[in-house]
Protein backbone atom coordinates (compact mmCIF):
# COMPACT_ATOMS: atom_id res chain seq x y z
CA UNK A 1 -8.47 -23.63 10.75
CA UNK A 2 -7.76 -26.49 8.32
CA UNK A 3 -10.18 -24.95 5.83
CA UNK A 4 -8.22 -21.71 5.79
CA UNK A 5 -4.93 -23.45 5.13
CA UNK A 6 -6.16 -25.62 2.29
CA UNK A 7 -6.34 -22.98 -0.50
CA UNK A 8 -2.76 -21.88 0.18
CA UNK A 9 -1.50 -25.44 0.04
CA UNK A 10 -3.40 -26.10 -3.19
CA UNK A 11 -2.01 -22.95 -4.85
CA UNK A 12 1.55 -23.81 -3.81
CA UNK A 13 1.14 -27.35 -5.17
CA UNK A 14 -0.19 -26.06 -8.49
CA UNK A 15 2.68 -23.61 -8.93
CA UNK A 16 5.33 -26.18 -8.03
CA UNK A 17 3.71 -28.77 -10.30
CA UNK A 18 3.52 -26.23 -13.13
CA UNK A 19 7.21 -25.48 -12.70
CA UNK A 20 8.24 -29.11 -12.80
CA UNK A 21 6.82 -29.53 -16.29
CA UNK A 22 7.50 -26.04 -17.58
CA UNK A 23 8.91 -25.08 -20.93
CA UNK A 24 11.82 -22.68 -21.38
CA UNK A 25 11.11 -19.19 -20.10
CA UNK A 26 9.18 -20.28 -17.01
CA UNK A 27 10.17 -18.61 -13.76
CA UNK A 28 8.72 -19.17 -10.26
CA UNK A 29 9.70 -17.32 -7.10
CA UNK A 30 8.07 -18.21 -3.79
CA UNK A 31 8.92 -16.18 -0.73
CA UNK A 32 7.74 -15.57 2.81
CA UNK A 33 7.95 -12.32 4.75
CA UNK A 34 7.13 -11.56 8.39
CA UNK A 35 7.33 -8.74 10.90
CA UNK A 36 6.97 -8.77 14.69
CA UNK A 37 6.99 -5.60 16.85
CA UNK A 38 6.97 -4.69 20.51
CA UNK A 39 5.02 -1.48 20.86
CA UNK A 40 3.58 0.95 23.38
CA UNK A 41 0.65 3.27 22.68
CA UNK A 42 -0.45 6.18 24.83
CA UNK A 43 -3.38 8.58 24.44
CA UNK A 44 -3.47 11.59 26.73
CA UNK A 45 -0.71 10.03 28.79
CA UNK A 46 -2.62 6.80 29.47
CA UNK A 47 -1.47 3.48 28.10
CA UNK A 48 -3.79 1.77 25.58
CA UNK A 49 -3.44 -1.73 27.03
CA UNK A 50 -4.97 -3.48 24.04
CA UNK A 51 -2.33 -2.02 21.75
CA UNK A 52 0.72 -2.57 23.95
CA UNK A 53 3.06 -5.54 23.97
CA UNK A 54 4.28 -7.93 21.29
CA UNK A 55 2.32 -7.71 18.05
CA UNK A 56 2.49 -9.82 14.91
CA UNK A 57 2.33 -7.14 12.21
CA UNK A 58 2.66 -9.15 9.03
CA UNK A 59 3.04 -12.70 7.72
CA UNK A 60 2.68 -12.97 3.95
CA UNK A 61 3.51 -15.39 1.20
CA UNK A 62 4.55 -14.05 -2.21
CA UNK A 63 4.56 -15.92 -5.51
CA UNK A 64 5.47 -14.43 -8.89
CA UNK A 65 6.90 -15.59 -12.16
CA UNK A 66 6.57 -15.90 -15.93
CA UNK A 67 4.87 -18.56 -18.00
CA UNK A 68 6.68 -17.26 -21.08
CA UNK A 69 7.84 -13.94 -22.55
CA UNK A 70 4.25 -12.64 -22.74
CA UNK A 71 2.47 -13.93 -19.61
CA UNK A 72 3.40 -13.35 -15.97
CA UNK A 73 1.63 -13.50 -12.62
CA UNK A 74 1.86 -11.92 -9.14
CA UNK A 75 0.32 -13.17 -5.91
CA UNK A 76 0.51 -12.06 -2.29
CA UNK A 77 -1.49 -13.58 0.56
CA UNK A 78 -1.59 -12.27 4.10
CA UNK A 79 -1.61 -15.25 6.41
CA UNK A 80 -2.44 -13.31 9.56
CA UNK A 81 -5.79 -11.94 8.36
CA UNK A 82 -9.08 -13.74 8.86
CA UNK A 83 -10.76 -14.71 5.62
CA UNK A 84 -14.22 -13.74 6.80
CA UNK A 85 -17.48 -15.03 5.40
CA UNK A 86 -17.06 -13.70 1.86
CA UNK A 87 -14.24 -15.67 0.29
CA UNK A 88 -10.57 -16.61 0.43
CA UNK A 89 -9.87 -13.42 -1.51
CA UNK A 90 -10.55 -11.30 1.61
CA UNK A 91 -7.02 -12.05 2.81
CA UNK A 92 -5.48 -11.83 -0.68
CA UNK A 93 -3.68 -8.57 -1.35
CA UNK A 94 -3.24 -9.20 -5.06
CA UNK A 95 -3.51 -12.08 -7.50
CA UNK A 96 -3.40 -11.09 -11.15
CA UNK A 97 -2.23 -12.24 -14.57
CA UNK A 98 -0.39 -9.88 -16.92
CA UNK A 99 -0.16 -10.14 -20.70
CA UNK A 100 2.56 -8.17 -22.55
CA UNK A 101 2.19 -8.43 -26.35
CA UNK A 102 5.24 -6.21 -26.86
CA UNK A 103 7.64 -3.95 -24.96
CA UNK A 104 5.16 -1.10 -24.69
CA UNK A 105 1.75 -2.56 -23.93
CA UNK A 106 0.57 -4.58 -20.94
CA UNK A 107 -2.85 -5.84 -19.85
CA UNK A 108 -3.70 -7.41 -16.51
CA UNK A 109 -6.72 -8.70 -14.64
CA UNK A 110 -7.50 -10.07 -11.20
CA UNK A 111 -7.23 -8.64 -7.71
CA UNK A 112 -4.93 -5.64 -7.95
CA UNK A 113 -3.69 -2.61 -6.08
CA UNK A 114 -6.06 0.28 -6.74
CA UNK A 115 -4.07 2.75 -8.85
CA UNK A 116 -3.84 5.78 -6.56
CA UNK A 117 -0.84 8.11 -6.59
CA UNK A 118 1.53 8.73 -3.70
CA UNK A 119 4.55 7.07 -2.16
CA UNK A 120 3.16 6.32 1.29
CA UNK A 121 0.27 4.53 -0.41
CA UNK A 122 2.64 2.66 -2.74
CA UNK A 123 4.90 1.16 -0.04
CA UNK A 124 4.10 -2.41 1.06
CA UNK A 125 2.33 -2.61 4.44
CA UNK A 126 5.22 -4.56 5.98
CA UNK A 127 7.52 -1.57 5.34
CA UNK A 128 5.28 1.13 6.85
CA UNK A 129 5.58 1.90 10.57
CA UNK A 130 2.93 4.63 10.89
CA UNK A 131 0.37 5.93 8.38
CA UNK A 132 -1.57 9.09 7.64
CA UNK A 133 -5.28 8.97 8.45
CA UNK A 134 -6.09 8.60 4.74
CA UNK A 135 -3.85 5.59 4.17
CA UNK A 136 -5.02 4.03 7.43
CA UNK A 137 -8.57 3.80 6.09
CA UNK A 138 -8.38 3.16 2.32
CA UNK A 139 -9.17 -0.34 1.12
CA UNK A 140 -6.44 -0.51 -1.50
CA UNK A 141 -6.84 -4.02 -3.01
CA UNK A 142 -9.76 -4.66 -5.35
CA UNK A 143 -10.78 -6.82 -8.30
CA UNK A 144 -10.29 -5.12 -11.67
CA UNK A 145 -8.59 -4.84 -15.05
CA UNK A 146 -5.68 -2.67 -16.12
CA UNK A 147 -4.07 -1.49 -19.37
CA UNK A 148 -0.60 0.04 -19.42
CA UNK A 149 1.52 1.82 -22.04
CA UNK A 150 5.27 2.42 -21.63
CA UNK A 151 6.95 5.30 -23.45
CA UNK A 152 9.97 7.59 -23.27
CA UNK A 153 12.35 4.69 -23.65
CA UNK A 154 10.87 2.95 -20.62
CA UNK A 155 11.12 5.97 -18.31
CA UNK A 156 7.35 6.56 -18.25
CA UNK A 157 4.36 4.30 -17.77
CA UNK A 158 0.73 5.31 -18.21
CA UNK A 159 -1.96 2.99 -16.85
CA UNK A 160 -5.75 2.98 -16.92
CA UNK A 161 -7.64 0.81 -14.45
CA UNK A 162 -11.28 -0.13 -13.98
CA UNK A 163 -11.86 -1.82 -10.63
CA UNK A 164 -14.33 -2.23 -7.82
CA UNK A 165 -14.65 0.84 -5.63
CA UNK A 166 -12.69 0.73 -2.36
CA UNK A 167 -15.85 2.18 -0.79
CA UNK A 168 -18.18 -0.58 -1.94
CA UNK A 169 -18.86 -1.93 1.58
CA UNK A 170 -22.34 -3.52 1.36
CA UNK A 171 -22.89 -2.55 -2.28
CA UNK A 172 -20.47 -4.45 -4.53
CA UNK A 173 -21.75 -2.73 -7.70
CA UNK A 174 -19.62 0.40 -7.23
CA UNK A 175 -16.57 1.14 -9.39
CA UNK A 176 -13.42 3.25 -9.62
CA UNK A 177 -11.83 4.69 -12.79
CA UNK A 178 -8.13 5.38 -12.34
CA UNK A 179 -5.48 6.97 -14.57
CA UNK A 180 -1.88 6.77 -13.30
CA UNK A 181 1.50 8.00 -14.48
CA UNK A 182 4.76 6.51 -13.20
CA UNK A 183 7.88 8.41 -14.20
CA UNK A 184 11.59 7.89 -13.63
CA UNK A 185 13.79 10.82 -14.64
CA UNK A 186 17.20 10.88 -13.01
CA UNK A 187 16.93 11.93 -9.40
CA UNK A 188 13.14 12.44 -9.71
CA UNK A 189 10.48 9.73 -9.72
CA UNK A 190 6.73 10.19 -9.73
CA UNK A 191 3.49 8.37 -8.99
CA UNK A 192 0.64 10.65 -10.07
CA UNK A 193 -3.00 9.75 -10.55
CA UNK A 194 -6.44 11.07 -11.42
CA UNK A 195 -9.26 9.02 -9.91
CA UNK A 196 -13.04 8.94 -10.13
CA UNK A 197 -14.30 6.71 -7.32
CA UNK A 198 -17.94 5.84 -6.71
CA UNK A 199 -18.72 6.15 -2.99
CA UNK A 200 -22.50 5.70 -3.30
CA UNK A 201 -24.50 4.53 -6.34
CA UNK A 202 -24.08 7.23 -8.98
CA UNK A 203 -22.05 9.53 -6.69
CA UNK A 204 -18.33 10.04 -7.19
CA UNK A 205 -15.36 11.53 -5.39
CA UNK A 206 -12.40 12.82 -7.42
CA UNK A 207 -8.75 12.41 -6.42
CA UNK A 208 -5.77 14.35 -7.67
CA UNK A 209 -2.84 12.47 -6.13
CA UNK A 210 0.74 13.60 -6.75
CA UNK A 211 3.57 11.47 -5.36
CA UNK A 212 7.08 12.86 -5.84
CA UNK A 213 10.35 11.13 -4.90
CA UNK A 214 13.85 12.64 -5.00
CA UNK A 215 17.14 10.72 -4.66
CA UNK A 216 20.12 12.90 -3.75
CA UNK A 217 23.01 10.58 -2.98
CA UNK A 218 22.47 9.12 0.49
CA UNK A 219 19.47 11.39 1.03
CA UNK A 220 16.00 10.49 -0.25
CA UNK A 221 12.84 12.59 0.05
CA UNK A 222 9.25 11.94 -0.90
CA UNK A 223 6.40 14.45 -0.87
CA UNK A 224 2.80 13.39 -1.45
CA UNK A 225 -0.17 15.67 -2.06
CA UNK A 226 -3.75 14.49 -2.52
CA UNK A 227 -6.77 16.71 -3.13
CA UNK A 228 -10.19 15.08 -2.78
CA UNK A 229 -13.38 16.63 -4.11
CA UNK A 230 -16.98 15.53 -4.45
CA UNK A 231 -17.74 15.60 -8.18
CA UNK A 232 -21.14 17.29 -7.83
CA UNK A 233 -19.58 20.07 -5.73
CA UNK A 234 -15.98 20.53 -6.82
CA UNK A 235 -13.52 22.09 -4.36
CA UNK A 236 -9.80 22.58 -3.87
CA UNK A 237 -7.80 22.45 -0.63
CA UNK A 238 -10.87 21.75 1.49
CA UNK A 239 -10.29 17.99 1.67
CA UNK A 240 -6.65 17.01 1.27
CA UNK A 241 -3.66 15.08 2.64
CA UNK A 242 -0.01 16.10 2.74
CA UNK A 243 2.76 13.61 3.53
CA UNK A 244 6.51 14.07 3.61
CA UNK A 245 9.42 11.80 4.48
CA UNK A 246 13.16 12.42 4.60
CA UNK A 247 15.56 9.47 4.90
CA UNK A 248 19.34 9.29 5.14
CA UNK A 249 21.47 6.18 4.62
CA UNK A 250 24.77 6.31 6.47
CA UNK A 251 25.81 3.08 4.75
CA UNK A 252 24.28 -0.16 3.44
CA UNK A 253 23.26 -1.16 6.96
CA UNK A 254 21.95 1.94 8.73
CA UNK A 255 19.11 4.30 7.79
CA UNK A 256 17.39 7.07 9.74
CA UNK A 257 14.20 8.91 8.73
CA UNK A 258 11.69 11.54 9.74
CA UNK A 259 8.12 11.64 8.51
CA UNK A 260 5.07 13.94 8.84
CA UNK A 261 1.51 13.89 7.58
CA UNK A 262 -1.49 16.19 7.72
CA UNK A 263 -5.08 15.23 6.87
CA UNK A 264 -7.77 17.92 6.55
CA UNK A 265 -11.45 17.91 5.62
CA UNK A 266 -13.74 20.90 6.25
CA UNK A 267 -16.43 19.90 3.74
CA UNK A 268 -20.00 20.34 4.96
CA UNK A 269 -21.17 16.93 3.72
CA UNK A 270 -20.05 13.33 3.78
CA UNK A 271 -18.59 11.44 0.82
CA UNK A 272 -14.96 10.99 1.81
CA UNK A 273 -15.02 7.80 3.84
CA UNK A 274 -11.26 7.93 4.56
CA UNK A 275 -10.90 11.41 6.03
CA UNK A 276 -14.21 12.50 7.55
CA UNK A 277 -15.54 16.10 7.66
CA UNK A 278 -14.30 17.92 10.73
CA UNK A 279 -10.81 16.37 10.53
CA UNK A 280 -7.64 18.41 10.92
CA UNK A 281 -5.10 15.83 12.03
CA UNK A 282 -1.32 15.86 12.07
CA UNK A 283 1.25 13.18 12.77
CA UNK A 284 5.05 13.48 13.10
CA UNK A 285 7.54 10.71 13.72
CA UNK A 286 11.01 9.37 13.23
CA UNK A 287 12.84 6.06 13.14
CA UNK A 288 16.00 4.10 12.57
CA UNK A 289 16.51 0.90 10.53
CA UNK A 290 19.42 -1.52 10.72
CA UNK A 291 20.15 -4.30 8.20
CA UNK A 292 22.70 -6.82 9.55
CA UNK A 293 22.91 -8.79 6.25
CA UNK A 294 24.15 -7.55 2.89
CA UNK A 295 20.99 -8.68 1.08
CA UNK A 296 18.80 -6.77 3.59
CA UNK A 297 16.66 -9.83 4.23
CA UNK A 298 16.65 -9.02 7.96
CA UNK A 299 15.75 -5.60 9.31
CA UNK A 300 15.64 -4.20 12.84
CA UNK A 301 13.76 -0.99 13.49
CA UNK A 302 12.85 1.48 16.23
CA UNK A 303 10.24 4.21 15.64
CA UNK A 304 8.23 6.84 17.47
CA UNK A 305 5.29 8.97 16.33
CA UNK A 306 3.01 11.61 17.83
CA UNK A 307 -0.45 12.57 16.57
CA UNK A 308 -2.38 15.76 17.31
CA UNK A 309 -5.51 17.59 16.22
CA UNK A 310 -9.17 16.76 15.58
CA UNK A 311 -10.44 13.60 13.89
CA UNK A 312 -13.98 13.81 12.54
CA UNK A 313 -14.18 10.02 12.49
CA UNK A 314 -15.15 8.63 15.94
CA UNK A 315 -13.53 5.34 14.89
CA UNK A 316 -10.49 7.01 13.34
CA UNK A 317 -6.98 5.64 13.64
CA UNK A 318 -5.15 8.86 14.52
CA UNK A 319 -6.10 10.44 17.84
CA UNK A 320 -5.24 13.70 19.55
CA UNK A 321 -2.22 13.51 21.91
CA UNK A 322 -1.43 9.94 20.79
CA UNK A 323 2.08 8.48 20.96
CA UNK A 324 3.22 5.12 19.60
CA UNK A 325 6.72 3.71 20.15
CA UNK A 326 7.80 0.52 18.43
CA UNK A 327 10.82 -1.74 18.08
CA UNK A 328 10.67 -4.73 15.78
CA UNK A 329 12.15 -7.32 13.48
CA UNK A 330 11.36 -8.00 9.84
CA UNK A 331 12.67 -10.89 7.77
CA UNK A 332 12.21 -12.08 4.21
CA UNK A 333 12.91 -15.64 3.05
CA UNK A 334 13.16 -17.18 -0.39
CA UNK A 335 11.46 -20.59 -0.36
CA UNK A 336 11.79 -21.54 -4.03
CA UNK A 337 13.38 -20.18 -7.20
CA UNK A 338 13.08 -22.11 -10.47
């Protein structure tokens, strides 16, 4: 266990040491976030004992800051995940350096979030209580490079990313080519993407992912649509995911929400490793969140979800006649700001 702790300690020491001798413009923020739940899972009316009881859902350290007006960095490490035999980066969500030569252009490299559209996909894992089948299976953090261009007075951002494929598994020489648009226009925000992702050497799957978010006073709504198609046999609405969430804030302390997802794949061949052929799976759920502090650094939640349908993946996450109830506590702490 000492070996696993050493890289984190070294990184923290380097950042703190760098801050102590920094020039003007340097900024370092170090934070810790954690979430613990008590949950009950049932399938067909029978309790799933291995997934009942108290569960540590997330413990992560976050570091970000600026070296000067052009260079910045972002780092998040999950402390509850085993590092495996590959490298320390297995438990690293992201660790990348960004260069901004001016107000419009940005370039970054390192381990990044794979640029795929949609709001469920975009939300940090600590803030998601139950996922669609697609988001339960996508490996969303990969090594890569990214170029971004801001326009429309800062309301729009277009990014192109080249990164390792999230489907690389045993073959690390697979890649993904991603084009994303982030927009912010009054009550409407968007996260849209076009993706070409290599799932086997020389074979690609195409994503059209449209994430749409609407803010209407105390009511917020997001609607995600993703169509997936094998490039050598293009199709539409044969392999797709729909996700919707409606949330209402009574005040600064109390939120309620309802959420639904539907994953479908009736293709006659494999290639989508997230939603397998033969899948027609729905999930509906609801929840309540309470923030006792004004800065929302502490959150209490209670949620319930029900899944139904057929999952073509024998090892899939969503199961027919599955119910999961959860109550939990999330907290975020600032350890250093300089």
